[in-house]
Amino acid sequence: MKQLIELANKIKDGELRKKVVEFIREPKLSHKDFKKYPSMKIEEAKSLFSVSSPSGMATVERDVLNHSIALADLCLKTAETIEKNYKIQINKDNLIAASILHDLMKIFEYKKEKEGLEHTGILLDHSMLAVAEFYHRGFPEEVIHIIASHFGEAGPTPPRNFEALIFHYCDTLLSLVEFHLYGAKVKPSQPVQLVLFDEEALKKIIERQIEKD
């Protein structure tokens, strides 16, 4: 918590800094239907993410707090490099805020059990929860956009400004680093084999099944 507060205090915009700190200190969901879900403490928050590897999909456990702090550091250094070399002004306040907030809703998405992490059963993923909650709390559109687009071009909202672009690729890079650090501890799951049938082939299979019955 101390590390997050120190990071949030680097935000120069007073109103944005206040909103971020308020949520860090008391992370709650405003919508009444979602208050039933348990939440982990931010300091203890873990989450799972999957990365495709040559041997299939591997599910890796991530420390949310460390990931967020590392992401903010990388985003700021990247922003400084881009500003220096391309003379583009980057909003570092928005990058810091998004780094702190983008994965925090995972405290409602996962819970600790004896067997390990389990999904809480919440019906929205952490990104959609974040967009909904921070829209309700009046966060700037630009910060919400960074969070909404951090999955990149493959997500429902692609990055539409330099801050979002920086954020997505820095987040992706750290995910790959974390995969190589922690992925070796996890046995990759077997790839799913898909069999596709055309209409004629499917018709024959059904006819054969009817004959057997």
C-alpha atoms as a PDB file:
ATOM      1  CA  MET A   1       0.000   0.000   0.000  1.00  0.00           C
ATOM      2  CA  LYS A   2       2.832   2.409   0.882  1.00  0.00           C
ATOM      3  CA  GLN A   3       4.429   1.791  -2.517  1.00  0.00           C
ATOM      4  CA  LEU A   4       1.156   2.468  -4.334  1.00  0.00           C
ATOM      5  CA  ILE A   5       0.531   5.674  -2.401  1.00  0.00           C
ATOM      6  CA  GLU A   6       4.065   6.871  -3.158  1.00  0.00           C
ATOM      7  CA  LEU A   7       3.479   6.084  -6.828  1.00  0.00           C
ATOM      8  CA  ALA A   8       0.108   7.855  -6.846  1.00  0.00           C
ATOM      9  CA  ASN A   9       1.704  10.929  -5.274  1.00  0.00           C
ATOM     10  CA  LYS A  10       3.786  11.342  -8.448  1.00  0.00           C
ATOM     11  CA  ILE A  11       0.573  12.350 -10.250  1.00  0.00           C
ATOM     12  CA  LYS A  12       0.768  16.131 -10.616  1.00  0.00           C
ATOM     13  CA  ASP A  13      -2.929  16.668 -11.361  1.00  0.00           C
ATOM     14  CA  GLY A  14      -4.455  17.148  -7.899  1.00  0.00           C
ATOM     15  CA  GLU A  15      -7.951  15.948  -8.741  1.00  0.00           C
ATOM     16  CA  LEU A  16      -6.747  12.804 -10.487  1.00  0.00           C
ATOM     17  CA  ARG A  17      -4.280  12.060  -7.691  1.00  0.00           C
ATOM     18  CA  LYS A  18      -7.090  12.373  -5.120  1.00  0.00           C
ATOM     19  CA  LYS A  19      -9.371   9.977  -7.038  1.00  0.00           C
ATOM     20  CA  VAL A  20      -6.613   7.377  -7.389  1.00  0.00           C
ATOM     21  CA  VAL A  21      -5.593   7.544  -3.723  1.00  0.00           C
ATOM     22  CA  GLU A  22      -9.217   7.335  -2.567  1.00  0.00           C
ATOM     23  CA  PHE A  23      -9.753   4.144  -4.541  1.00  0.00           C
ATOM     24  CA  ILE A  24      -6.474   2.603  -3.373  1.00  0.00           C
ATOM     25  CA  ARG A  25      -7.374   3.248   0.255  1.00  0.00           C
ATOM     26  CA  GLU A  26     -10.919   1.911  -0.097  1.00  0.00           C
ATOM     27  CA  PRO A  27     -11.356  -0.241  -3.202  1.00  0.00           C
ATOM     28  CA  LYS A  28     -15.078  -0.894  -3.451  1.00  0.00           C
ATOM     29  CA  LEU A  29     -17.573  -1.542  -6.224  1.00  0.00           C
ATOM     30  CA  SER A  30     -20.385   1.004  -6.333  1.00  0.00           C
ATOM     31  CA  HIS A  31     -23.041  -1.144  -8.016  1.00  0.00           C
ATOM     32  CA  LYS A  32     -25.214  -2.905  -5.423  1.00  0.00           C
ATOM     33  CA  ASP A  33     -25.351  -6.183  -7.382  1.00  0.00           C
ATOM     34  CA  PHE A  34     -21.562  -6.543  -7.257  1.00  0.00           C
ATOM     35  CA  LYS A  35     -21.053  -5.854  -3.560  1.00  0.00           C
ATOM     36  CA  LYS A  36     -21.666  -9.526  -2.748  1.00  0.00           C
ATOM     37  CA  TYR A  37     -18.301 -10.583  -4.203  1.00  0.00           C
ATOM     38  CA  PRO A  38     -15.370 -11.009  -1.800  1.00  0.00           C
ATOM     39  CA  SER A  39     -12.163  -9.094  -2.365  1.00  0.00           C
ATOM     40  CA  MET A  40      -8.516  -9.765  -1.619  1.00  0.00           C
ATOM     41  CA  LYS A  41      -6.326  -7.151  -0.007  1.00  0.00           C
ATOM     42  CA  ILE A  42      -4.368  -5.205  -2.608  1.00  0.00           C
ATOM     43  CA  GLU A  43      -1.097  -6.092  -0.872  1.00  0.00           C
ATOM     44  CA  GLU A  44      -1.889  -9.823  -1.224  1.00  0.00           C
ATOM     45  CA  ALA A  45      -3.591  -9.736  -4.630  1.00  0.00           C
ATOM     46  CA  LYS A  46      -2.654 -12.442  -7.087  1.00  0.00           C
ATOM     47  CA  SER A  47      -4.132 -13.225 -10.477  1.00  0.00           C
ATOM     48  CA  LEU A  48      -3.809 -15.750 -13.281  1.00  0.00           C
ATOM     49  CA  PHE A  49      -3.009 -15.022 -16.892  1.00  0.00           C
ATOM     50  CA  SER A  50      -2.449 -17.315 -19.862  1.00  0.00           C
ATOM     51  CA  VAL A  51       0.301 -17.142 -22.449  1.00  0.00           C
ATOM     52  CA  SER A  52       0.555 -19.242 -25.574  1.00  0.00           C
ATOM     53  CA  SER A  53       3.725 -21.314 -25.732  1.00  0.00           C
ATOM     54  CA  PRO A  54       5.063 -23.921 -28.204  1.00  0.00           C
ATOM     55  CA  SER A  55       3.739 -26.675 -25.922  1.00  0.00           C
ATOM     56  CA  GLY A  56       0.277 -25.163 -25.501  1.00  0.00           C
ATOM     57  CA  MET A  57      -1.307 -22.638 -23.173  1.00  0.00           C
ATOM     58  CA  ALA A  58       0.428 -21.996 -19.851  1.00  0.00           C
ATOM     59  CA  THR A  59      -1.381 -20.354 -16.948  1.00  0.00           C
ATOM     60  CA  VAL A  60       0.886 -18.199 -14.808  1.00  0.00           C
ATOM     61  CA  GLU A  61       0.283 -16.644 -11.398  1.00  0.00           C
ATOM     62  CA  ARG A  62       1.046 -12.934 -11.148  1.00  0.00           C
ATOM     63  CA  ASP A  63       1.636 -10.578  -8.221  1.00  0.00           C
ATOM     64  CA  VAL A  64      -0.740  -7.708  -9.059  1.00  0.00           C
ATOM     65  CA  LEU A  65       0.997  -5.103  -6.897  1.00  0.00           C
ATOM     66  CA  ASN A  66       4.509  -5.781  -8.219  1.00  0.00           C
ATOM     67  CA  HIS A  67       3.232  -5.919 -11.806  1.00  0.00           C
ATOM     68  CA  SER A  68       1.489  -2.540 -11.440  1.00  0.00           C
ATOM     69  CA  ILE A  69       4.529  -0.831  -9.927  1.00  0.00           C
ATOM     70  CA  ALA A  70       6.872  -2.281 -12.549  1.00  0.00           C
ATOM     71  CA  LEU A  71       4.475  -1.237 -15.304  1.00  0.00           C
ATOM     72  CA  ALA A  72       4.332   2.358 -14.081  1.00  0.00           C
ATOM     73  CA  ASP A  73       8.138   2.496 -13.979  1.00  0.00           C
ATOM     74  CA  LEU A  74       8.476   1.083 -17.500  1.00  0.00           C
ATOM     75  CA  CYS A  75       5.751   3.357 -18.916  1.00  0.00           C
ATOM     76  CA  LEU A  76       7.396   6.461 -17.476  1.00  0.00           C
ATOM     77  CA  LYS A  77      10.836   5.535 -18.820  1.00  0.00           C
ATOM     78  CA  THR A  78       9.329   4.766 -22.229  1.00  0.00           C
ATOM     79  CA  ALA A  79       7.435   8.073 -22.225  1.00  0.00           C
ATOM     80  CA  GLU A  80      10.646   9.968 -21.438  1.00  0.00           C
ATOM     81  CA  THR A  81      12.464   8.259 -24.321  1.00  0.00           C
ATOM     82  CA  ILE A  82       9.665   9.059 -26.768  1.00  0.00           C
ATOM     83  CA  GLU A  83       9.444  12.683 -25.614  1.00  0.00           C
ATOM     84  CA  LYS A  84      13.215  13.111 -25.919  1.00  0.00           C
ATOM     85  CA  ASN A  85      13.606  11.534 -29.354  1.00  0.00           C
ATOM     86  CA  TYR A  86      10.324  12.399 -31.068  1.00  0.00           C
ATOM     87  CA  LYS A  87       9.368  15.678 -29.353  1.00  0.00           C
ATOM     88  CA  ILE A  88       5.908  14.288 -28.498  1.00  0.00           C
ATOM     89  CA  GLN A  89       4.267  15.375 -25.258  1.00  0.00           C
ATOM     90  CA  ILE A  90       3.113  12.338 -23.239  1.00  0.00           C
ATOM     91  CA  ASN A  91       0.674  12.638 -20.331  1.00  0.00           C
ATOM     92  CA  LYS A  92       2.592  10.841 -17.580  1.00  0.00           C
ATOM     93  CA  ASP A  93      -0.164  11.434 -15.008  1.00  0.00           C
ATOM     94  CA  ASN A  94      -2.549   9.299 -17.040  1.00  0.00           C
ATOM     95  CA  LEU A  95       0.065   6.563 -17.439  1.00  0.00           C
ATOM     96  CA  ILE A  96       0.696   6.428 -13.688  1.00  0.00           C
ATOM     97  CA  ALA A  97      -3.023   6.354 -12.871  1.00  0.00           C
ATOM     98  CA  ALA A  98      -3.727   3.618 -15.422  1.00  0.00           C
ATOM     99  CA  SER A  99      -0.760   1.546 -14.213  1.00  0.00           C
ATOM    100  CA  ILE A 100      -2.062   1.624 -10.655  1.00  0.00           C
ATOM    101  CA  LEU A 101      -5.691   0.958 -11.552  1.00  0.00           C
ATOM    102  CA  HIS A 102      -5.764  -1.312 -14.627  1.00  0.00           C
ATOM    103  CA  ASP A 103      -5.478  -4.631 -12.745  1.00  0.00           C
ATOM    104  CA  LEU A 104      -6.812  -3.708  -9.310  1.00  0.00           C
ATOM    105  CA  MET A 105     -10.270  -5.089 -10.078  1.00  0.00           C
ATOM    106  CA  LYS A 106      -8.663  -8.525 -10.002  1.00  0.00           C
ATOM    107  CA  ILE A 107      -9.083  -8.369  -6.231  1.00  0.00           C
ATOM    108  CA  PHE A 108     -12.766  -9.051  -6.958  1.00  0.00           C
ATOM    109  CA  GLU A 109     -12.060 -11.540  -9.754  1.00  0.00           C
ATOM    110  CA  TYR A 110      -9.957 -14.023  -7.769  1.00  0.00           C
ATOM    111  CA  LYS A 111      -9.950 -15.414  -4.239  1.00  0.00           C
ATOM    112  CA  LYS A 112      -7.393 -17.433  -2.303  1.00  0.00           C
ATOM    113  CA  GLU A 113      -8.251 -21.016  -1.428  1.00  0.00           C
ATOM    114  CA  LYS A 114      -6.156 -23.838   0.008  1.00  0.00           C
ATOM    115  CA  GLU A 115      -5.769 -25.295  -3.478  1.00  0.00           C
ATOM    116  CA  GLY A 116      -4.687 -21.955  -4.898  1.00  0.00           C
ATOM    117  CA  LEU A 117      -6.434 -19.126  -6.708  1.00  0.00           C
ATOM    118  CA  GLU A 118     -10.063 -19.542  -7.718  1.00  0.00           C
ATOM    119  CA  HIS A 119     -12.403 -17.323  -9.682  1.00  0.00           C
ATOM    120  CA  THR A 120     -15.026 -15.617  -7.527  1.00  0.00           C
ATOM    121  CA  GLY A 121     -17.774 -16.136 -10.097  1.00  0.00           C
ATOM    122  CA  ILE A 122     -18.100 -12.435 -10.886  1.00  0.00           C
ATOM    123  CA  LEU A 123     -19.696 -12.027 -14.313  1.00  0.00           C
ATOM    124  CA  LEU A 124     -17.524  -9.167 -15.607  1.00  0.00           C
ATOM    125  CA  ASP A 125     -13.786  -9.359 -16.098  1.00  0.00           C
ATOM    126  CA  HIS A 126     -11.424  -6.919 -14.390  1.00  0.00           C
ATOM    127  CA  SER A 127     -11.187  -4.558 -17.373  1.00  0.00           C
ATOM    128  CA  MET A 128     -14.946  -4.135 -17.781  1.00  0.00           C
ATOM    129  CA  LEU A 129     -15.332  -3.696 -14.027  1.00  0.00           C
ATOM    130  CA  ALA A 130     -12.640  -1.013 -14.060  1.00  0.00           C
ATOM    131  CA  VAL A 131     -14.201   0.888 -16.965  1.00  0.00           C
ATOM    132  CA  ALA A 132     -17.652   0.806 -15.338  1.00  0.00           C
ATOM    133  CA  GLU A 133     -16.415   1.770 -11.866  1.00  0.00           C
ATOM    134  CA  PHE A 134     -14.071   4.557 -12.924  1.00  0.00           C
ATOM    135  CA  TYR A 135     -16.661   5.988 -15.316  1.00  0.00           C
ATOM    136  CA  HIS A 136     -19.082   6.092 -12.368  1.00  0.00           C
ATOM    137  CA  ARG A 137     -16.455   7.798 -10.192  1.00  0.00           C
ATOM    138  CA  GLY A 138     -15.793  10.491 -12.795  1.00  0.00           C
ATOM    139  CA  PHE A 139     -12.258   9.548 -13.826  1.00  0.00           C
ATOM    140  CA  PRO A 140     -10.922  11.275 -16.966  1.00  0.00           C
ATOM    141  CA  GLU A 141     -11.897   9.681 -20.270  1.00  0.00           C
ATOM    142  CA  GLU A 142      -8.229   9.356 -21.244  1.00  0.00           C
ATOM    143  CA  VAL A 143      -7.412   7.222 -18.175  1.00  0.00           C
ATOM    144  CA  ILE A 144     -10.457   5.024 -18.737  1.00  0.00           C
ATOM    145  CA  HIS A 145      -9.423   4.605 -22.381  1.00  0.00           C
ATOM    146  CA  ILE A 146      -5.934   3.422 -21.442  1.00  0.00           C
ATOM    147  CA  ILE A 147      -7.433   0.799 -19.117  1.00  0.00           C
ATOM    148  CA  ALA A 148     -10.063  -0.257 -21.676  1.00  0.00           C
ATOM    149  CA  SER A 149      -7.504  -0.641 -24.466  1.00  0.00           C
ATOM    150  CA  HIS A 150      -4.644  -2.336 -22.630  1.00  0.00           C
ATOM    151  CA  PHE A 151      -5.370  -5.612 -24.448  1.00  0.00           C
ATOM    152  CA  GLY A 152      -4.345  -3.883 -27.680  1.00  0.00           C
ATOM    153  CA  GLU A 153      -5.723  -4.258 -31.190  1.00  0.00           C
ATOM    154  CA  ALA A 154      -7.185  -7.683 -30.363  1.00  0.00           C
ATOM    155  CA  GLY A 155      -9.372  -6.207 -27.618  1.00  0.00           C
ATOM    156  CA  PRO A 156     -12.766  -4.525 -28.003  1.00  0.00           C
ATOM    157  CA  THR A 157     -11.201  -1.052 -27.713  1.00  0.00           C
ATOM    158  CA  PRO A 158      -7.889  -0.557 -29.556  1.00  0.00           C
ATOM    159  CA  PRO A 159      -5.374   2.070 -28.351  1.00  0.00           C
ATOM    160  CA  ARG A 160      -6.249   5.470 -29.875  1.00  0.00           C
ATOM    161  CA  ASN A 161      -3.529   7.724 -28.463  1.00  0.00           C
ATOM    162  CA  PHE A 162       0.187   7.503 -27.660  1.00  0.00           C
ATOM    163  CA  GLU A 163      -0.395   6.956 -23.933  1.00  0.00           C
ATOM    164  CA  ALA A 164      -2.624   3.932 -24.606  1.00  0.00           C
ATOM    165  CA  LEU A 165      -0.142   2.592 -27.178  1.00  0.00           C
ATOM    166  CA  ILE A 166       2.786   2.897 -24.761  1.00  0.00           C
ATOM    167  CA  PHE A 167       0.767   1.280 -22.015  1.00  0.00           C
ATOM    168  CA  HIS A 168      -0.348  -1.718 -24.080  1.00  0.00           C
ATOM    169  CA  TYR A 169       3.123  -2.627 -25.287  1.00  0.00           C
ATOM    170  CA  CYS A 170       4.769  -2.097 -21.899  1.00  0.00           C
ATOM    171  CA  ASP A 171       2.089  -4.298 -20.296  1.00  0.00           C
ATOM    172  CA  THR A 172       2.631  -6.956 -22.973  1.00  0.00           C
ATOM    173  CA  LEU A 173       6.400  -6.887 -22.482  1.00  0.00           C
ATOM    174  CA  LEU A 174       6.099  -7.359 -18.716  1.00  0.00           C
ATOM    175  CA  SER A 175       3.619 -10.198 -19.230  1.00  0.00           C
ATOM    176  CA  LEU A 176       6.209 -11.989 -21.374  1.00  0.00           C
ATOM    177  CA  VAL A 177       8.916 -11.349 -18.773  1.00  0.00           C
ATOM    178  CA  GLU A 178       6.660 -12.717 -16.020  1.00  0.00           C
ATOM    179  CA  PHE A 179       5.823 -15.728 -18.142  1.00  0.00           C
ATOM    180  CA  HIS A 180       9.501 -16.605 -18.570  1.00  0.00           C
ATOM    181  CA  LEU A 181      10.160 -16.009 -14.866  1.00  0.00           C
ATOM    182  CA  TYR A 182       7.195 -17.909 -13.456  1.00  0.00           C
ATOM    183  CA  GLY A 183       5.900 -19.987 -16.360  1.00  0.00           C
ATOM    184  CA  ALA A 184       8.452 -22.744 -15.856  1.00  0.00           C
ATOM    185  CA  LYS A 185       6.729 -23.550 -12.554  1.00  0.00           C
ATOM    186  CA  VAL A 186       3.459 -24.271 -14.310  1.00  0.00           C
ATOM    187  CA  LYS A 187       2.783 -27.306 -16.443  1.00  0.00           C
ATOM    188  CA  PRO A 188       1.297 -26.135 -19.754  1.00  0.00           C
ATOM    189  CA  SER A 189      -2.174 -27.401 -20.456  1.00  0.00           C
ATOM    190  CA  GLN A 190      -2.685 -29.543 -23.536  1.00  0.00           C
ATOM    191  CA  PRO A 191      -3.837 -27.663 -26.643  1.00  0.00           C
ATOM    192  CA  VAL A 192      -7.476 -28.223 -27.517  1.00  0.00           C
ATOM    193  CA  GLN A 193      -7.961 -30.248 -30.655  1.00  0.00           C
ATOM    194  CA  LEU A 194     -10.740 -28.870 -32.848  1.00  0.00           C
ATOM    195  CA  VAL A 195     -12.483 -30.956 -35.504  1.00  0.00           C
ATOM    196  CA  LEU A 196     -14.481 -29.035 -38.088  1.00  0.00           C
ATOM    197  CA  PHE A 197     -17.261 -30.628 -40.146  1.00  0.00           C
ATOM    198  CA  ASP A 198     -18.977 -29.344 -43.227  1.00  0.00           C
ATOM    199  CA  GLU A 199     -22.740 -29.750 -43.520  1.00  0.00           C
ATOM    200  CA  GLU A 200     -22.543 -32.948 -45.608  1.00  0.00           C
ATOM    201  CA  ALA A 201     -20.099 -34.657 -43.241  1.00  0.00           C
ATOM    202  CA  LEU A 202     -22.205 -33.721 -40.235  1.00  0.00           C
ATOM    203  CA  LYS A 203     -25.313 -35.131 -41.943  1.00  0.00           C
ATOM    204  CA  LYS A 204     -23.578 -38.486 -42.508  1.00  0.00           C
ATOM    205  CA  ILE A 205     -22.470 -38.670 -38.867  1.00  0.00           C
ATOM    206  CA  ILE A 206     -26.041 -38.068 -37.705  1.00  0.00           C
ATOM    207  CA  GLU A 207     -27.390 -40.715 -40.097  1.00  0.00           C
ATOM    208  CA  ARG A 208     -24.864 -43.276 -38.834  1.00  0.00           C
ATOM    209  CA  GLN A 209     -25.775 -42.498 -35.233  1.00  0.00           C
ATOM    210  CA  ILE A 210     -29.497 -42.969 -36.031  1.00  0.00           C
ATOM    211  CA  GLU A 211     -28.736 -46.338 -37.657  1.00  0.00           C
ATOM    212  CA  LYS A 212     -26.802 -47.475 -34.560  1.00  0.00           C
ATOM    213  CA  ASP A 213     -29.648 -46.445 -32.289  1.00  0.00           C
END
